[in-house]
Amino acid sequence: MPTSWSLKSLPPHDWFICLDIDNYFDHEHNPETIFEEGFTRPLPLPDRDIVATIFFNGDPEQPEFHIESPEDLSKNEVEQANQTLARILGTNLDLRPLYDKAASDPVLEPKLTEFYGLKRMSRANLLEDITNRIIQMQLSHKPTARKMAFKVREAYGTHLVHEGKTIPAWPRPFQLAKADPAQIRKMGPTLRKGEYLVGLAQEIIAGETHLDYLDTEASPGEFYDKISKVRGIGPTSAQDLMLFRDTTEAIFPSNQKKGEEKGLRKWIILSYGGDPANTSDEEFSEMIASWKGYEAAAIEFLFVNWVVSQKK
């Protein structure tokens, strides 16, 4: 017996803006058809994986998603699915204070106006984000990178069927922990990337790495410090992964190499007309004062603006 339900989002939320951002989607998705056909993806529940199709009502001021699953879900499973969907879609993120705080910000305010209702998209949990990040890092041709991630899912994730097609779920730790890095190499990622993925899965099972805590409870600073210590995740990846959590807060630590600032901090300083090599912590904090408490949300507006301008 199929199950369908609705999930409301905190306004403003215009999910259709996300369809312009290829990074938000996976190999099997075609953003051009999602508008009419819905966004279909696997959802990991605590006890099983399911497939769901998500439709948006198109109203930024009263945003609501309609979800359909071919599975017969219990009331408790629908609640579990909603917790996962909230992370994916950002339905719990309240950006209304950001619009007020940044009303006079010369860089951010025009983006808030142009992309009114934007909220970032994430994957279902931190392990999915990390797996996707490790596979795709240092690969410039993103369609190829997305296909590699799909092949890893196909090899190790649970196979789900939707309208006659198989959709592989993202592998869980117990599935990845048994993988052979050499076999992952045959799917496209380097042997080293395969070792990172298998090693992380084994650490999770051994209780040495607690991704649920880092994703939902750790402060931005603690998240950055601990996730940076995971093999395969450097400062840049740690910074990016921080932005996918179900919170508006983030930090932008200095990441200097040979006296030159790197990463998102450099990009932000340049966006505000500053010199990354000669901007103190105090000057940087003053630069993004209107972002305070909403750093993860604010930078997404700059990112989406960059992506859209590149397409033009």
Protein backbone atom coordinates (compact mmCIF):
# COMPACT_ATOMS: atom_id res chain seq x y z
CA MET A 1 0.00 0.00 0.00
CA PRO A 2 1.71 3.27 -1.09
CA THR A 3 2.05 6.11 1.41
CA SER A 4 1.73 9.84 0.77
CA TRP A 5 1.98 12.83 3.09
CA SER A 6 2.86 16.52 3.28
CA LEU A 7 5.80 18.34 4.88
CA LYS A 8 5.67 22.07 5.53
CA SER A 9 8.75 24.30 5.42
CA LEU A 10 9.53 27.53 7.26
CA PRO A 11 9.04 30.44 4.85
CA PRO A 12 10.43 31.91 2.76
CA HIS A 13 11.46 28.83 0.82
CA ASP A 14 11.57 28.59 -2.97
CA TRP A 15 12.87 25.09 -3.64
CA PHE A 16 12.66 25.53 -7.41
CA ILE A 17 15.79 27.75 -7.24
CA CYS A 18 17.73 24.58 -6.35
CA LEU A 19 16.96 23.07 -9.75
CA ASP A 20 19.63 25.38 -11.24
CA ILE A 21 22.35 23.90 -9.03
CA ASP A 22 23.71 20.62 -10.41
CA ASN A 23 25.80 19.99 -7.26
CA TYR A 24 22.62 19.38 -5.28
CA PHE A 25 21.62 16.38 -7.38
CA ASP A 26 22.93 12.92 -8.23
CA HIS A 27 23.68 10.97 -11.42
CA GLU A 28 20.12 9.69 -11.87
CA HIS A 29 18.52 13.13 -11.59
CA ASN A 30 17.54 15.45 -14.42
CA PRO A 31 16.66 18.84 -12.86
CA GLU A 32 14.85 19.86 -16.05
CA THR A 33 12.21 17.15 -15.55
CA ILE A 34 11.99 17.31 -11.73
CA PHE A 35 9.65 20.31 -11.96
CA GLU A 36 6.92 18.05 -13.36
CA GLU A 37 7.98 14.53 -12.40
CA GLY A 38 9.15 15.21 -8.85
CA PHE A 39 12.47 14.58 -7.12
CA THR A 40 12.94 10.84 -6.52
CA ARG A 41 15.67 9.59 -4.20
CA PRO A 42 16.38 6.90 -1.60
CA LEU A 43 15.75 7.75 2.04
CA PRO A 44 17.63 5.91 4.81
CA LEU A 45 15.33 5.11 7.72
CA PRO A 46 16.82 3.55 10.87
CA ASP A 47 15.73 0.01 9.91
CA ARG A 48 15.53 0.09 6.12
CA ASP A 49 15.97 2.14 2.98
CA ILE A 50 12.95 3.38 1.06
CA VAL A 51 12.41 5.40 -2.11
CA ALA A 52 10.36 8.60 -2.12
CA THR A 53 9.31 11.19 -4.70
CA ILE A 54 9.09 14.82 -3.58
CA PHE A 55 6.92 17.54 -5.13
CA PHE A 56 7.05 21.25 -4.21
CA ASN A 57 3.93 23.43 -4.21
CA GLY A 58 5.80 26.41 -5.71
CA ASP A 59 4.73 28.92 -3.02
CA PRO A 60 7.73 30.57 -1.27
CA GLU A 61 5.50 32.17 1.38
CA GLN A 62 3.55 29.01 2.23
CA PRO A 63 6.04 26.34 1.18
CA GLU A 64 4.94 22.75 1.36
CA PHE A 65 6.24 19.47 -0.03
CA HIS A 66 4.11 16.51 -1.05
CA ILE A 67 5.88 13.17 -0.67
CA GLU A 68 4.92 9.84 -2.20
CA SER A 69 6.45 6.44 -1.47
CA PRO A 70 5.48 3.07 -2.96
CA GLU A 71 6.20 1.57 0.48
CA ASP A 72 3.59 0.92 3.17
CA LEU A 73 5.05 3.13 5.91
CA SER A 74 4.03 3.23 9.55
CA LYS A 75 3.31 6.56 11.23
CA ASN A 76 6.66 6.29 13.00
CA GLU A 77 8.47 5.68 9.70
CA VAL A 78 6.83 8.76 8.16
CA GLU A 79 8.16 10.81 11.10
CA GLN A 80 11.63 9.29 10.56
CA ALA A 81 11.42 10.11 6.85
CA ASN A 82 10.46 13.70 7.68
CA GLN A 83 13.56 14.11 9.85
CA THR A 84 15.71 13.02 6.91
CA LEU A 85 13.77 15.16 4.44
CA ALA A 86 14.20 18.19 6.72
CA ARG A 87 17.98 17.83 6.38
CA ILE A 88 17.84 17.26 2.63
CA LEU A 89 15.48 20.15 1.87
CA GLY A 90 16.29 22.56 4.72
CA THR A 91 12.66 22.81 5.85
CA ASN A 92 13.63 23.60 9.47
CA LEU A 93 16.03 26.40 8.57
CA ASP A 94 14.56 29.79 9.53
CA LEU A 95 16.28 32.45 7.44
CA ARG A 96 13.86 35.28 8.18
CA PRO A 97 16.26 36.99 10.64
CA LEU A 98 19.01 36.90 8.00
CA TYR A 99 16.91 38.96 5.59
CA ASP A 100 16.56 41.63 8.29
CA LYS A 101 20.18 41.51 9.49
CA ALA A 102 21.64 41.77 5.99
CA ALA A 103 19.27 44.43 4.63
CA SER A 104 22.14 46.92 4.28
CA ASP A 105 24.91 44.44 3.44
CA PRO A 106 26.36 45.65 0.09
CA VAL A 107 27.36 42.17 -1.08
CA LEU A 108 24.75 39.86 0.42
CA GLU A 109 21.55 41.92 0.17
CA PRO A 110 21.33 41.90 -3.66
CA LYS A 111 21.69 38.09 -3.62
CA LEU A 112 19.02 37.74 -0.94
CA THR A 113 16.69 39.71 -3.19
CA GLU A 114 17.54 37.89 -6.41
CA PHE A 115 17.37 34.41 -4.87
CA TYR A 116 14.62 35.09 -2.35
CA GLY A 117 13.58 31.86 -0.66
CA LEU A 118 16.79 29.94 -1.37
CA LYS A 119 17.75 27.20 1.08
CA ARG A 120 20.66 24.85 0.47
CA MET A 121 20.10 21.18 -0.31
CA SER A 122 22.03 18.42 1.42
CA ARG A 123 22.09 14.68 1.24
CA ALA A 124 20.29 12.52 3.76
CA ASN A 125 23.04 12.37 6.38
CA LEU A 126 26.66 13.27 6.96
CA LEU A 127 27.97 9.91 5.72
CA GLU A 128 26.26 10.46 2.35
CA ASP A 129 27.78 13.95 2.16
CA ILE A 130 31.25 12.63 3.03
CA THR A 131 31.01 9.68 0.61
CA ASN A 132 29.92 12.00 -2.18
CA ARG A 133 32.64 14.52 -1.33
CA ILE A 134 35.49 11.99 -1.20
CA ILE A 135 34.51 10.36 -4.50
CA GLN A 136 34.13 13.69 -6.34
CA MET A 137 37.05 15.67 -4.91
CA GLN A 138 39.75 16.76 -7.39
CA LEU A 139 37.54 15.75 -10.33
CA SER A 140 36.67 18.69 -12.56
CA HIS A 141 34.17 16.89 -14.81
CA LYS A 142 31.23 16.59 -12.44
CA PRO A 143 28.96 14.35 -14.60
CA THR A 144 31.74 11.73 -14.54
CA ALA A 145 32.21 12.22 -10.79
CA ARG A 146 28.47 11.79 -10.17
CA LYS A 147 28.48 8.59 -12.25
CA MET A 148 31.35 7.23 -10.12
CA ALA A 149 29.33 7.92 -6.96
CA PHE A 150 26.34 6.15 -8.53
CA LYS A 151 28.49 3.08 -9.31
CA VAL A 152 29.67 2.89 -5.69
CA ARG A 153 26.04 3.11 -4.54
CA GLU A 154 25.11 0.43 -7.08
CA ALA A 155 27.84 -1.91 -5.84
CA TYR A 156 27.32 -1.54 -2.09
CA GLY A 157 23.97 0.13 -1.38
CA THR A 158 20.55 -1.51 -1.08
CA HIS A 159 18.75 -1.75 -4.44
CA LEU A 160 15.32 -0.11 -4.50
CA VAL A 161 12.81 -0.29 -7.35
CA HIS A 162 10.83 2.72 -8.57
CA GLU A 163 8.60 2.58 -11.65
CA GLY A 164 10.53 -0.37 -13.03
CA LYS A 165 13.95 1.20 -12.51
CA THR A 166 16.51 0.31 -9.87
CA ILE A 167 17.70 3.13 -7.62
CA PRO A 168 20.62 2.22 -5.36
CA ALA A 169 20.61 3.66 -1.85
CA TRP A 170 23.78 5.22 -0.47
CA PRO A 171 25.75 2.45 1.30
CA ARG A 172 25.59 2.26 5.06
CA PRO A 173 28.68 1.69 7.22
CA PHE A 174 28.16 -2.09 7.51
CA GLN A 175 27.95 -2.32 3.71
CA LEU A 176 31.00 -0.15 2.99
CA ALA A 177 33.14 -1.68 5.74
CA LYS A 178 33.26 -4.99 3.85
CA ALA A 179 34.25 -3.38 0.54
CA ASP A 180 37.62 -3.92 -1.13
CA PRO A 181 39.30 -0.59 -2.06
CA ALA A 182 40.70 -2.28 -5.17
CA GLN A 183 37.14 -3.04 -6.33
CA ILE A 184 36.12 0.57 -5.69
CA ARG A 185 39.09 1.57 -7.85
CA LYS A 186 37.51 -0.30 -10.77
CA MET A 187 34.46 2.00 -10.51
CA GLY A 188 36.54 5.13 -11.11
CA PRO A 189 37.67 6.54 -7.74
CA THR A 190 41.36 6.20 -6.88
CA LEU A 191 42.57 3.38 -4.65
CA ARG A 192 43.29 5.96 -1.94
CA LYS A 193 39.69 7.21 -2.05
CA GLY A 194 38.48 3.62 -1.70
CA GLU A 195 40.71 3.22 1.36
CA TYR A 196 39.27 6.42 2.86
CA LEU A 197 35.68 5.23 2.41
CA VAL A 198 36.25 1.73 3.77
CA GLY A 199 38.37 3.04 6.65
CA LEU A 200 35.72 5.55 7.69
CA ALA A 201 32.99 2.89 7.62
CA GLN A 202 35.12 0.62 9.80
CA GLU A 203 35.78 3.47 12.27
CA ILE A 204 32.04 4.16 12.54
CA ILE A 205 31.27 0.50 13.24
CA ALA A 206 34.08 0.36 15.82
CA GLY A 207 32.63 3.41 17.59
CA GLU A 208 35.73 5.50 16.91
CA THR A 209 33.93 8.11 14.77
CA HIS A 210 30.47 9.43 15.69
CA LEU A 211 29.01 11.14 12.64
CA ASP A 212 25.50 11.54 14.11
CA TYR A 213 26.91 13.59 16.98
CA LEU A 214 29.05 15.71 14.67
CA ASP A 215 26.11 16.30 12.35
CA THR A 216 23.47 17.24 14.92
CA GLU A 217 25.12 18.32 18.18
CA ALA A 218 28.68 19.55 17.68
CA SER A 219 29.37 23.28 17.49
CA PRO A 220 30.80 24.51 14.17
CA GLY A 221 34.27 24.72 15.73
CA GLU A 222 34.13 21.20 17.17
CA PHE A 223 32.74 19.86 13.90
CA TYR A 224 35.58 21.43 11.92
CA ASP A 225 38.29 20.19 14.29
CA LYS A 226 37.03 16.60 14.44
CA ILE A 227 35.94 16.12 10.83
CA SER A 228 39.33 17.46 9.66
CA LYS A 229 40.96 14.50 11.43
CA VAL A 230 39.02 11.95 9.35
CA ARG A 231 41.33 10.48 6.68
CA GLY A 232 40.56 11.94 3.29
CA ILE A 233 38.98 15.14 4.61
CA GLY A 234 41.22 18.18 4.59
CA PRO A 235 40.44 21.76 5.68
CA THR A 236 38.56 22.61 2.48
CA SER A 237 36.31 19.55 2.61
CA ALA A 238 35.73 20.03 6.35
CA GLN A 239 34.61 23.60 5.67
CA ASP A 240 32.23 22.56 2.90
CA LEU A 241 30.75 19.64 4.86
CA MET A 242 29.94 22.03 7.71
CA LEU A 243 27.55 23.90 5.43
CA PHE A 244 25.29 20.88 4.84
CA ARG A 245 24.24 20.41 8.46
CA ASP A 246 20.70 21.23 9.63
CA THR A 247 21.79 24.56 11.12
CA THR A 248 22.36 28.08 9.83
CA GLU A 249 25.64 28.47 11.75
CA ALA A 250 29.15 27.96 10.42
CA ILE A 251 32.67 29.31 10.81
CA PHE A 252 35.28 30.16 8.19
CA PRO A 253 38.67 29.28 9.72
CA SER A 254 41.81 30.76 8.25
CA ASN A 255 43.57 28.25 5.99
CA GLN A 256 46.81 29.84 4.89
CA LYS A 257 49.43 28.08 2.79
CA LYS A 258 52.73 29.84 2.14
CA GLY A 259 51.20 33.05 3.48
CA GLU A 260 48.25 32.91 1.08
CA GLU A 261 44.68 32.49 2.31
CA LYS A 262 42.74 29.57 0.79
CA GLY A 263 39.19 28.30 0.64
CA LEU A 264 35.90 29.99 1.46
CA ARG A 265 37.45 32.67 3.68
CA LYS A 266 39.55 33.89 0.75
CA TRP A 267 36.51 33.90 -1.53
CA ILE A 268 34.41 35.88 0.98
CA ILE A 269 37.14 38.50 1.51
CA LEU A 270 37.54 38.96 -2.24
CA SER A 271 33.75 39.28 -2.59
CA TYR A 272 33.88 42.22 -0.17
CA GLY A 273 36.79 43.85 -2.00
CA GLY A 274 39.38 42.95 0.63
CA ASP A 275 42.89 41.56 0.44
CA PRO A 276 42.92 37.93 1.69
CA ALA A 277 46.64 38.14 2.54
CA ASN A 278 46.15 41.19 4.77
CA THR A 279 42.79 40.73 6.51
CA SER A 280 42.87 40.13 10.27
CA ASP A 281 40.36 37.98 12.15
CA GLU A 282 38.78 41.15 13.54
CA GLU A 283 38.46 42.71 10.09
CA PHE A 284 36.99 39.50 8.68
CA SER A 285 34.43 39.29 11.51
CA GLU A 286 33.42 42.88 10.88
CA MET A 287 33.15 42.17 7.15
CA ILE A 288 30.51 39.46 7.72
CA ALA A 289 28.89 40.95 10.84
CA SER A 290 25.45 40.77 9.21
CA TRP A 291 25.95 37.02 8.69
CA LYS A 292 26.34 36.24 12.40
CA GLY A 293 24.45 33.08 13.30
CA TYR A 294 23.54 32.53 9.63
CA GLU A 295 26.95 31.96 8.08
CA ALA A 296 26.09 28.60 6.46
CA ALA A 297 22.95 30.06 4.90
CA ALA A 298 24.52 33.35 3.81
CA ILE A 299 27.39 31.85 1.84
CA GLU A 300 24.96 29.66 -0.09
CA PHE A 301 23.52 32.81 -1.67
CA LEU A 302 26.99 33.78 -2.90
CA PHE A 303 27.59 30.25 -4.16
CA VAL A 304 24.30 30.03 -6.05
CA ASN A 305 24.88 33.49 -7.52
CA TRP A 306 28.29 32.29 -8.77
CA VAL A 307 26.85 29.09 -10.28
CA VAL A 308 24.04 30.94 -12.06
CA SER A 309 26.41 33.62 -13.37
CA GLN A 310 28.75 30.90 -14.70
CA LYS A 311 25.85 29.29 -16.58
CA LYS A 312 24.95 32.63 -18.14
